[in-house]
Amino acid sequence: MEVKVARLADLPPGKGMAVYAGGRDIALFNLAGEIVAIGNECPHQSGSLGDGWLEGEIVICPVHGWEFDARSGACMTVPGESVPRFPVRVDGDSILVDLGE
């Protein structure tokens, strides 16, 4: 199920944001014009990844600095840890996330 979660104008290149849609806490990132979405909650201590910092395609959790690949959700700090990844589609100015339901 696709859900509109934000407007493209709300997410400039190099930035992230947290949204809540369909019962899911989602972090959106604009990677030089490509919008990607992963789970917002860091598995370490529940930090908001959408409030973290982007360094290239790596998002850094603002709580204790765990690093995640913004495209895949894989944790770079602790191998084997990850957050879910959600397919994204941009339709005009709408950012749509597929929640898979």
PDB file of N, CA and C in Angstrom:
ATOM      1  N   MET A   1       0.841  -1.183   0.000  1.00  0.00           N
ATOM      2  CA  MET A   1       0.000   0.000   0.000  1.00  0.00           C
ATOM      3  C   MET A   1       0.885   1.245   0.000  1.00  0.00           C
ATOM      4  N   GLU A   2       0.712   2.091  -1.002  1.00  0.00           N
ATOM      5  CA  GLU A   2       1.450   3.353  -1.087  1.00  0.00           C
ATOM      6  C   GLU A   2       0.728   4.442  -0.307  1.00  0.00           C
ATOM      7  N   VAL A   3       1.523   5.230   0.443  1.00  0.00           N
ATOM      8  CA  VAL A   3       0.981   6.308   1.253  1.00  0.00           C
ATOM      9  C   VAL A   3       1.790   7.573   0.998  1.00  0.00           C
ATOM     10  N   LYS A   4       1.097   8.702   0.796  1.00  0.00           N
ATOM     11  CA  LYS A   4       1.802   9.977   0.668  1.00  0.00           C
ATOM     12  C   LYS A   4       2.311  10.371   2.046  1.00  0.00           C
ATOM     13  N   VAL A   5       3.622  10.635   2.145  1.00  0.00           N
ATOM     14  CA  VAL A   5       4.214  10.942   3.448  1.00  0.00           C
ATOM     15  C   VAL A   5       4.781  12.363   3.538  1.00  0.00           C
ATOM     16  N   ALA A   6       5.036  12.993   2.393  1.00  0.00           N
ATOM     17  CA  ALA A   6       5.617  14.341   2.411  1.00  0.00           C
ATOM     18  C   ALA A   6       5.563  14.933   1.011  1.00  0.00           C
ATOM     19  N   ARG A   7       5.935  16.204   0.947  1.00  0.00           N
ATOM     20  CA  ARG A   7       6.099  16.873  -0.345  1.00  0.00           C
ATOM     21  C   ARG A   7       7.584  16.954  -0.654  1.00  0.00           C
ATOM     22  N   LEU A   8       7.924  16.856  -1.912  1.00  0.00           N
ATOM     23  CA  LEU A   8       9.317  16.944  -2.338  1.00  0.00           C
ATOM     24  C   LEU A   8       9.949  18.256  -1.866  1.00  0.00           C
ATOM     25  N   ALA A   9       9.170  19.323  -1.862  1.00  0.00           N
ATOM     26  CA  ALA A   9       9.668  20.629  -1.442  1.00  0.00           C
ATOM     27  C   ALA A   9      10.068  20.648   0.037  1.00  0.00           C
ATOM     28  N   ASP A  10       9.549  19.698   0.834  1.00  0.00           N
ATOM     29  CA  ASP A  10       9.866  19.629   2.269  1.00  0.00           C
ATOM     30  C   ASP A  10      11.195  18.947   2.567  1.00  0.00           C
ATOM     31  N   LEU A  11      11.817  18.352   1.538  1.00  0.00           N
ATOM     32  CA  LEU A  11      13.004  17.531   1.750  1.00  0.00           C
ATOM     33  C   LEU A  11      14.116  17.920   0.774  1.00  0.00           C
ATOM     34  N   PRO A  12      14.880  18.971   1.080  1.00  0.00           N
ATOM     35  CA  PRO A  12      15.941  19.400   0.173  1.00  0.00           C
ATOM     36  C   PRO A  12      17.083  18.382   0.096  1.00  0.00           C
ATOM     37  N   PRO A  13      17.870  18.418  -0.986  1.00  0.00           N
ATOM     38  CA  PRO A  13      19.004  17.502  -1.130  1.00  0.00           C
ATOM     39  C   PRO A  13      19.940  17.568   0.075  1.00  0.00           C
ATOM     40  N   GLY A  14      20.390  16.385   0.513  1.00  0.00           N
ATOM     41  CA  GLY A  14      21.314  16.296   1.635  1.00  0.00           C
ATOM     42  C   GLY A  14      20.648  16.338   2.997  1.00  0.00           C
ATOM     43  N   LYS A  15      19.317  16.312   3.025  1.00  0.00           N
ATOM     44  CA  LYS A  15      18.587  16.408   4.293  1.00  0.00           C
ATOM     45  C   LYS A  15      17.748  15.158   4.536  1.00  0.00           C
ATOM     46  N   GLY A  16      17.317  15.015   5.789  1.00  0.00           N
ATOM     47  CA  GLY A  16      16.443  13.923   6.177  1.00  0.00           C
ATOM     48  C   GLY A  16      15.283  14.457   6.994  1.00  0.00           C
ATOM     49  N   MET A  17      14.283  13.624   7.173  1.00  0.00           N
ATOM     50  CA  MET A  17      13.144  13.989   8.011  1.00  0.00           C
ATOM     51  C   MET A  17      12.457  12.715   8.487  1.00  0.00           C
ATOM     52  N   ALA A  18      11.781  12.817   9.621  1.00  0.00           N
ATOM     53  CA  ALA A  18      11.020  11.694  10.150  1.00  0.00           C
ATOM     54  C   ALA A  18       9.545  11.923   9.872  1.00  0.00           C
ATOM     55  N   VAL A  19       8.857  10.857   9.469  1.00  0.00           N
ATOM     56  CA  VAL A  19       7.411  10.915   9.241  1.00  0.00           C
ATOM     57  C   VAL A  19       6.778   9.676   9.877  1.00  0.00           C
ATOM     58  N   TYR A  20       5.483   9.758  10.134  1.00  0.00           N
ATOM     59  CA  TYR A  20       4.733   8.631  10.675  1.00  0.00           C
ATOM     60  C   TYR A  20       3.569   8.380   9.732  1.00  0.00           C
ATOM     61  N   ALA A  21       3.479   7.162   9.207  1.00  0.00           N
ATOM     62  CA  ALA A  21       2.413   6.851   8.255  1.00  0.00           C
ATOM     63  C   ALA A  21       2.052   5.381   8.362  1.00  0.00           C
ATOM     64  N   GLY A  22       0.766   5.103   8.341  1.00  0.00           N
ATOM     65  CA  GLY A  22       0.304   3.722   8.350  1.00  0.00           C
ATOM     66  C   GLY A  22       0.835   2.918   9.525  1.00  0.00           C
ATOM     67  N   GLY A  23       1.028   3.566  10.664  1.00  0.00           N
ATOM     68  CA  GLY A  23       1.539   2.879  11.837  1.00  0.00           C
ATOM     69  C   GLY A  23       3.033   2.635  11.828  1.00  0.00           C
ATOM     70  N   ARG A  24       3.720   3.249  10.884  1.00  0.00           N
ATOM     71  CA  ARG A  24       5.173   3.056  10.759  1.00  0.00           C
ATOM     72  C   ARG A  24       5.908   4.375  10.966  1.00  0.00           C
ATOM     73  N   ASP A  25       7.025   4.303  11.673  1.00  0.00           N
ATOM     74  CA  ASP A  25       7.914   5.435  11.893  1.00  0.00           C
ATOM     75  C   ASP A  25       9.000   5.348  10.818  1.00  0.00           C
ATOM     76  N   ILE A  26       9.036   6.324   9.912  1.00  0.00           N
ATOM     77  CA  ILE A  26       9.867   6.256   8.715  1.00  0.00           C
ATOM     78  C   ILE A  26      10.813   7.453   8.656  1.00  0.00           C
ATOM     79  N   ALA A  27      12.048   7.200   8.226  1.00  0.00           N
ATOM     80  CA  ALA A  27      13.024   8.263   7.974  1.00  0.00           C
ATOM     81  C   ALA A  27      13.184   8.406   6.462  1.00  0.00           C
ATOM     82  N   LEU A  28      12.997   9.621   5.965  1.00  0.00           N
ATOM     83  CA  LEU A  28      13.172   9.925   4.541  1.00  0.00           C
ATOM     84  C   LEU A  28      14.464  10.702   4.366  1.00  0.00           C
ATOM     85  N   PHE A  29      15.162  10.448   3.254  1.00  0.00           N
ATOM     86  CA  PHE A  29      16.383  11.179   2.950  1.00  0.00           C
ATOM     87  C   PHE A  29      16.408  11.532   1.472  1.00  0.00           C
ATOM     88  N   ASN A  30      16.950  12.713   1.180  1.00  0.00           N
ATOM     89  CA  ASN A  30      17.143  13.149  -0.198  1.00  0.00           C
ATOM     90  C   ASN A  30      18.627  13.032  -0.496  1.00  0.00           C
ATOM     91  N   LEU A  31      18.984  12.005  -1.269  1.00  0.00           N
ATOM     92  CA  LEU A  31      20.370  11.758  -1.646  1.00  0.00           C
ATOM     93  C   LEU A  31      20.614  12.344  -3.030  1.00  0.00           C
ATOM     94  N   ALA A  32      20.941  13.634  -3.070  1.00  0.00           N
ATOM     95  CA  ALA A  32      21.223  14.326  -4.334  1.00  0.00           C
ATOM     96  C   ALA A  32      20.092  14.150  -5.344  1.00  0.00           C
ATOM     97  N   GLY A  33      18.849  14.263  -4.864  1.00  0.00           N
ATOM     98  CA  GLY A  33      17.697  14.171  -5.749  1.00  0.00           C
ATOM     99  C   GLY A  33      16.987  12.831  -5.723  1.00  0.00           C
ATOM    100  N   GLU A  34      17.615  11.802  -5.190  1.00  0.00           N
ATOM    101  CA  GLU A  34      16.968  10.491  -5.048  1.00  0.00           C
ATOM    102  C   GLU A  34      16.406  10.389  -3.629  1.00  0.00           C
ATOM    103  N   ILE A  35      15.111  10.110  -3.528  1.00  0.00           N
ATOM    104  CA  ILE A  35      14.471   9.982  -2.222  1.00  0.00           C
ATOM    105  C   ILE A  35      14.484   8.518  -1.811  1.00  0.00           C
ATOM    106  N   VAL A  36      14.946   8.261  -0.571  1.00  0.00           N
ATOM    107  CA  VAL A  36      14.981   6.902  -0.031  1.00  0.00           C
ATOM    108  C   VAL A  36      14.297   6.908   1.331  1.00  0.00           C
ATOM    109  N   ALA A  37      13.838   5.729   1.768  1.00  0.00           N
ATOM    110  CA  ALA A  37      13.138   5.621   3.053  1.00  0.00           C
ATOM    111  C   ALA A  37      13.585   4.361   3.786  1.00  0.00           C
ATOM    112  N   ILE A  38      13.869   4.540   5.089  1.00  0.00           N
ATOM    113  CA  ILE A  38      14.217   3.422   5.958  1.00  0.00           C
ATOM    114  C   ILE A  38      13.456   3.594   7.276  1.00  0.00           C
ATOM    115  N   GLY A  39      13.489   2.577   8.115  1.00  0.00           N
ATOM    116  CA  GLY A  39      12.890   2.694   9.439  1.00  0.00           C
ATOM    117  C   GLY A  39      13.564   3.812  10.213  1.00  0.00           C
ATOM    118  N   ASN A  40      12.789   4.571  10.951  1.00  0.00           N
ATOM    119  CA  ASN A  40      13.309   5.741  11.656  1.00  0.00           C
ATOM    120  C   ASN A  40      13.984   5.403  12.980  1.00  0.00           C
ATOM    121  N   GLU A  41      13.646   4.273  13.593  1.00  0.00           N
ATOM    122  CA  GLU A  41      14.111   3.978  14.943  1.00  0.00           C
ATOM    123  C   GLU A  41      15.420   3.191  14.957  1.00  0.00           C
ATOM    124  N   CYS A  42      16.471   3.812  15.473  1.00  0.00           N
ATOM    125  CA  CYS A  42      17.763   3.134  15.615  1.00  0.00           C
ATOM    126  C   CYS A  42      17.605   1.960  16.577  1.00  0.00           C
ATOM    127  N   PRO A  43      18.113   0.771  16.214  1.00  0.00           N
ATOM    128  CA  PRO A  43      17.955  -0.383  17.092  1.00  0.00           C
ATOM    129  C   PRO A  43      18.775  -0.291  18.387  1.00  0.00           C
ATOM    130  N   HIS A  44      19.703   0.644  18.463  1.00  0.00           N
ATOM    131  CA  HIS A  44      20.539   0.759  19.656  1.00  0.00           C
ATOM    132  C   HIS A  44      19.748   1.310  20.830  1.00  0.00           C
ATOM    133  N   GLN A  45      19.288   2.576  20.725  1.00  0.00           N
ATOM    134  CA  GLN A  45      18.508   3.164  21.812  1.00  0.00           C
ATOM    135  C   GLN A  45      17.370   4.034  21.281  1.00  0.00           C
ATOM    136  N   SER A  46      16.803   3.610  20.163  1.00  0.00           N
ATOM    137  CA  SER A  46      15.597   4.217  19.584  1.00  0.00           C
ATOM    138  C   SER A  46      15.764   5.656  19.118  1.00  0.00           C
ATOM    139  N   GLY A  47      16.975   6.071  18.793  1.00  0.00           N
ATOM    140  CA  GLY A  47      17.169   7.418  18.253  1.00  0.00           C
ATOM    141  C   GLY A  47      16.450   7.585  16.931  1.00  0.00           C
ATOM    142  N   SER A  48      16.053   8.813  16.616  1.00  0.00           N
ATOM    143  CA  SER A  48      15.360   9.116  15.367  1.00  0.00           C
ATOM    144  C   SER A  48      16.381   9.338  14.252  1.00  0.00           C
ATOM    145  N   LEU A  49      16.462   8.374  13.321  1.00  0.00           N
ATOM    146  CA  LEU A  49      17.416   8.497  12.222  1.00  0.00           C
ATOM    147  C   LEU A  49      17.081   9.679  11.321  1.00  0.00           C
ATOM    148  N   GLY A  50      15.789  10.005  11.199  1.00  0.00           N
ATOM    149  CA  GLY A  50      15.384  11.154  10.385  1.00  0.00           C
ATOM    150  C   GLY A  50      15.907  12.471  10.934  1.00  0.00           C
ATOM    151  N   ASP A  51      16.245  12.491  12.222  1.00  0.00           N
ATOM    152  CA  ASP A  51      16.834  13.677  12.851  1.00  0.00           C
ATOM    153  C   ASP A  51      18.353  13.616  12.871  1.00  0.00           C
ATOM    154  N   GLY A  52      18.915  12.570  12.273  1.00  0.00           N
ATOM    155  CA  GLY A  52      20.366  12.396  12.254  1.00  0.00           C
ATOM    156  C   GLY A  52      21.027  13.219  11.164  1.00  0.00           C
ATOM    157  N   TRP A  53      22.317  12.947  10.941  1.00  0.00           N
ATOM    158  CA  TRP A  53      23.102  13.677   9.951  1.00  0.00           C
ATOM    159  C   TRP A  53      23.416  12.764   8.780  1.00  0.00           C
ATOM    160  N   LEU A  54      23.406  13.339   7.596  1.00  0.00           N
ATOM    161  CA  LEU A  54      23.794  12.602   6.393  1.00  0.00           C
ATOM    162  C   LEU A  54      25.225  12.956   6.038  1.00  0.00           C
ATOM    163  N   GLU A  55      26.015  11.925   5.780  1.00  0.00           N
ATOM    164  CA  GLU A  55      27.353  12.093   5.212  1.00  0.00           C
ATOM    165  C   GLU A  55      27.371  11.227   3.972  1.00  0.00           C
ATOM    166  N   GLY A  56      27.149  11.856   2.823  1.00  0.00           N
ATOM    167  CA  GLY A  56      26.986  11.093   1.589  1.00  0.00           C
ATOM    168  C   GLY A  56      25.708  10.292   1.669  1.00  0.00           C
ATOM    169  N   GLU A  57      25.833   8.962   1.636  1.00  0.00           N
ATOM    170  CA  GLU A  57      24.666   8.073   1.719  1.00  0.00           C
ATOM    171  C   GLU A  57      24.575   7.388   3.078  1.00  0.00           C
ATOM    172  N   ILE A  58      25.337   7.868   4.040  1.00  0.00           N
ATOM    173  CA  ILE A  58      25.338   7.303   5.389  1.00  0.00           C
ATOM    174  C   ILE A  58      24.625   8.261   6.330  1.00  0.00           C
ATOM    175  N   VAL A  59      23.668   7.730   7.105  1.00  0.00           N
ATOM    176  CA  VAL A  59      22.974   8.537   8.108  1.00  0.00           C
ATOM    177  C   VAL A  59      23.546   8.157   9.474  1.00  0.00           C
ATOM    178  N   ILE A  60      23.789   9.178  10.279  1.00  0.00           N
ATOM    179  CA  ILE A  60      24.369   8.983  11.605  1.00  0.00           C
ATOM    180  C   ILE A  60      23.310   9.291  12.656  1.00  0.00           C
ATOM    181  N   CYS A  61      23.033   8.313  13.514  1.00  0.00           N
ATOM    182  CA  CYS A  61      22.032   8.474  14.566  1.00  0.00           C
ATOM    183  C   CYS A  61      22.469   9.583  15.524  1.00  0.00           C
ATOM    184  N   PRO A  62      21.544  10.496  15.863  1.00  0.00           N
ATOM    185  CA  PRO A  62      21.906  11.613  16.732  1.00  0.00           C
ATOM    186  C   PRO A  62      22.113  11.230  18.197  1.00  0.00           C
ATOM    187  N   VAL A  63      21.741  10.008  18.594  1.00  0.00           N
ATOM    188  CA  VAL A  63      21.865   9.628  20.003  1.00  0.00           C
ATOM    189  C   VAL A  63      23.288   9.168  20.345  1.00  0.00           C
ATOM    190  N   HIS A  64      23.771   8.119  19.657  1.00  0.00           N
ATOM    191  CA  HIS A  64      25.115   7.612  19.967  1.00  0.00           C
ATOM    192  C   HIS A  64      25.979   7.386  18.733  1.00  0.00           C
ATOM    193  N   GLY A  65      25.573   7.922  17.589  1.00  0.00           N
ATOM    194  CA  GLY A  65      26.438   7.900  16.413  1.00  0.00           C
ATOM    195  C   GLY A  65      26.477   6.623  15.601  1.00  0.00           C
ATOM    196  N   TRP A  66      25.537   5.709  15.827  1.00  0.00           N
ATOM    197  CA  TRP A  66      25.506   4.532  14.962  1.00  0.00           C
ATOM    198  C   TRP A  66      25.263   4.999  13.522  1.00  0.00           C
ATOM    199  N   GLU A  67      25.905   4.322  12.570  1.00  0.00           N
ATOM    200  CA  GLU A  67      25.815   4.700  11.160  1.00  0.00           C
ATOM    201  C   GLU A  67      25.047   3.650  10.369  1.00  0.00           C
ATOM    202  N   PHE A  68      24.190   4.150   9.453  1.00  0.00           N
ATOM    203  CA  PHE A  68      23.356   3.281   8.625  1.00  0.00           C
ATOM    204  C   PHE A  68      23.443   3.704   7.166  1.00  0.00           C
ATOM    205  N   ASP A  69      23.398   2.729   6.274  1.00  0.00           N
ATOM    206  CA  ASP A  69      23.301   3.001   4.846  1.00  0.00           C
ATOM    207  C   ASP A  69      21.871   3.473   4.583  1.00  0.00           C
ATOM    208  N   ALA A  70      21.716   4.698   4.098  1.00  0.00           N
ATOM    209  CA  ALA A  70      20.388   5.271   3.881  1.00  0.00           C
ATOM    210  C   ALA A  70      19.624   4.555   2.764  1.00  0.00           C
ATOM    211  N   ARG A  71      20.318   3.864   1.874  1.00  0.00           N
ATOM    212  CA  ARG A  71      19.643   3.139   0.794  1.00  0.00           C
ATOM    213  C   ARG A  71      19.104   1.779   1.252  1.00  0.00           C
ATOM    214  N   SER A  72      19.908   1.055   2.032  1.00  0.00           N
ATOM    215  CA  SER A  72      19.546  -0.323   2.374  1.00  0.00           C
ATOM    216  C   SER A  72      19.049  -0.499   3.807  1.00  0.00           C
ATOM    217  N   GLY A  73      19.401   0.423   4.702  1.00  0.00           N
ATOM    218  CA  GLY A  73      19.062   0.281   6.110  1.00  0.00           C
ATOM    219  C   GLY A  73      20.086  -0.518   6.897  1.00  0.00           C
ATOM    220  N   ALA A  74      21.129  -1.017   6.232  1.00  0.00           N
ATOM    221  CA  ALA A  74      22.160  -1.810   6.915  1.00  0.00           C
ATOM    222  C   ALA A  74      22.975  -0.935   7.856  1.00  0.00           C
ATOM    223  N   CYS A  75      23.257  -1.473   9.033  1.00  0.00           N
ATOM    224  CA  CYS A  75      24.064  -0.759  10.023  1.00  0.00           C
ATOM    225  C   CYS A  75      25.539  -0.934   9.681  1.00  0.00           C
ATOM    226  N   MET A  76      26.266   0.170   9.625  1.00  0.00           N
ATOM    227  CA  MET A  76      27.693   0.127   9.332  1.00  0.00           C
ATOM    228  C   MET A  76      28.503  -0.017  10.629  1.00  0.00           C
ATOM    229  N   THR A  77      27.888   0.285  11.765  1.00  0.00           N
ATOM    230  CA  THR A  77      28.575   0.265  13.056  1.00  0.00           C
ATOM    231  C   THR A  77      28.615  -1.139  13.651  1.00  0.00           C
ATOM    232  N   VAL A  78      27.490  -1.847  13.593  1.00  0.00           N
ATOM    233  CA  VAL A  78      27.385  -3.197  14.159  1.00  0.00           C
ATOM    234  C   VAL A  78      26.874  -4.130  13.055  1.00  0.00           C
ATOM    235  N   PRO A  79      27.771  -4.941  12.477  1.00  0.00           N
ATOM    236  CA  PRO A  79      27.344  -5.865  11.422  1.00  0.00           C
ATOM    237  C   PRO A  79      26.181  -6.744  11.886  1.00  0.00           C
ATOM    238  N   GLY A  80      25.219  -6.918  11.006  1.00  0.00           N
ATOM    239  CA  GLY A  80      24.057  -7.744  11.309  1.00  0.00           C
ATOM    240  C   GLY A  80      22.857  -6.946  11.795  1.00  0.00           C
ATOM    241  N   GLU A  81      23.073  -5.736  12.292  1.00  0.00           N
ATOM    242  CA  GLU A  81      21.966  -4.865  12.687  1.00  0.00           C
ATOM    243  C   GLU A  81      21.461  -4.129  11.451  1.00  0.00           C
ATOM    244  N   SER A  82      20.188  -3.775  11.452  1.00  0.00           N
ATOM    245  CA  SER A  82      19.637  -3.015  10.327  1.00  0.00           C
ATOM    246  C   SER A  82      18.289  -2.435  10.727  1.00  0.00           C
ATOM    247  N   VAL A  83      17.785  -1.562   9.873  1.00  0.00           N
ATOM    248  CA  VAL A  83      16.419  -1.054   9.976  1.00  0.00           C
ATOM    249  C   VAL A  83      15.743  -1.385   8.654  1.00  0.00           C
ATOM    250  N   PRO A  84      14.398  -1.471   8.630  1.00  0.00           N
ATOM    251  CA  PRO A  84      13.716  -1.821   7.379  1.00  0.00           C
ATOM    252  C   PRO A  84      13.917  -0.757   6.299  1.00  0.00           C
ATOM    253  N   ARG A  85      13.803  -1.190   5.068  1.00  0.00           N
ATOM    254  CA  ARG A  85      13.869  -0.300   3.907  1.00  0.00           C
ATOM    255  C   ARG A  85      12.492  -0.289   3.262  1.00  0.00           C
ATOM    256  N   PHE A  86      12.066   0.891   2.789  1.00  0.00           N
ATOM    257  CA  PHE A  86      10.761   1.015   2.150  1.00  0.00           C
ATOM    258  C   PHE A  86      10.932   1.561   0.738  1.00  0.00           C
ATOM    259  N   PRO A  87      10.258   0.954  -0.255  1.00  0.00           N
ATOM    260  CA  PRO A  87      10.284   1.501  -1.608  1.00  0.00           C
ATOM    261  C   PRO A  87       9.620   2.884  -1.646  1.00  0.00           C
ATOM    262  N   VAL A  88      10.187   3.772  -2.454  1.00  0.00           N
ATOM    263  CA  VAL A  88       9.702   5.148  -2.575  1.00  0.00           C
ATOM    264  C   VAL A  88       9.409   5.455  -4.038  1.00  0.00           C
ATOM    265  N   ARG A  89       8.353   6.244  -4.247  1.00  0.00           N
ATOM    266  CA  ARG A  89       8.040   6.753  -5.585  1.00  0.00           C
ATOM    267  C   ARG A  89       7.671   8.222  -5.440  1.00  0.00           C
ATOM    268  N   VAL A  90       8.198   9.033  -6.354  1.00  0.00           N
ATOM    269  CA  VAL A  90       7.850  10.455  -6.377  1.00  0.00           C
ATOM    270  C   VAL A  90       6.868  10.669  -7.514  1.00  0.00           C
ATOM    271  N   ASP A  91       5.729  11.286  -7.186  1.00  0.00           N
ATOM    272  CA  ASP A  91       4.686  11.584  -8.171  1.00  0.00           C
ATOM    273  C   ASP A  91       4.433  13.077  -8.107  1.00  0.00           C
ATOM    274  N   GLY A  92       4.998  13.810  -9.075  1.00  0.00           N
ATOM    275  CA  GLY A  92       4.907  15.269  -9.037  1.00  0.00           C
ATOM    276  C   GLY A  92       5.684  15.781  -7.831  1.00  0.00           C
ATOM    277  N   ASP A  93       4.995  16.434  -6.890  1.00  0.00           N
ATOM    278  CA  ASP A  93       5.631  16.936  -5.676  1.00  0.00           C
ATOM    279  C   ASP A  93       5.347  16.023  -4.470  1.00  0.00           C
ATOM    280  N   SER A  94       4.709  14.881  -4.696  1.00  0.00           N
ATOM    281  CA  SER A  94       4.347  13.976  -3.609  1.00  0.00           C
ATOM    282  C   SER A  94       5.367  12.866  -3.464  1.00  0.00           C
ATOM    283  N   ILE A  95       5.786  12.620  -2.219  1.00  0.00           N
ATOM    284  CA  ILE A  95       6.654  11.486  -1.900  1.00  0.00           C
ATOM    285  C   ILE A  95       5.747  10.379  -1.367  1.00  0.00           C
ATOM    286  N   LEU A  96       5.758   9.242  -2.063  1.00  0.00           N
ATOM    287  CA  LEU A  96       4.919   8.098  -1.706  1.00  0.00           C
ATOM    288  C   LEU A  96       5.815   6.957  -1.234  1.00  0.00           C
ATOM    289  N   VAL A  97       5.450   6.351  -0.113  1.00  0.00           N
ATOM    290  CA  VAL A  97       6.200   5.210   0.421  1.00  0.00           C
ATOM    291  C   VAL A  97       5.307   3.987   0.380  1.00  0.00           C
ATOM    292  N   ASP A  98       5.863   2.872  -0.083  1.00  0.00           N
ATOM    293  CA  ASP A  98       5.133   1.608  -0.131  1.00  0.00           C
ATOM    294  C   ASP A  98       5.354   0.882   1.196  1.00  0.00           C
ATOM    295  N   LEU A  99       4.295   0.763   1.980  1.00  0.00           N
ATOM    296  CA  LEU A  99       4.376   0.120   3.280  1.00  0.00           C
ATOM    297  C   LEU A  99       4.244  -1.396   3.203  1.00  0.00           C
ATOM    298  N   GLY A 100       4.001  -1.909   2.003  1.00  0.00           N
ATOM    299  CA  GLY A 100       3.949  -3.347   1.795  1.00  0.00           C
ATOM    300  C   GLY A 100       2.750  -4.042   2.381  1.00  0.00           C
ATOM    301  N   GLU A 101       1.680  -3.342   2.639  1.00  0.00           N
ATOM    302  CA  GLU A 101       0.508  -3.973   3.247  1.00  0.00           C
ATOM    303  C   GLU A 101      -0.582  -4.183   2.221  1.00  0.00           C
TER     304      GLU A 101
END
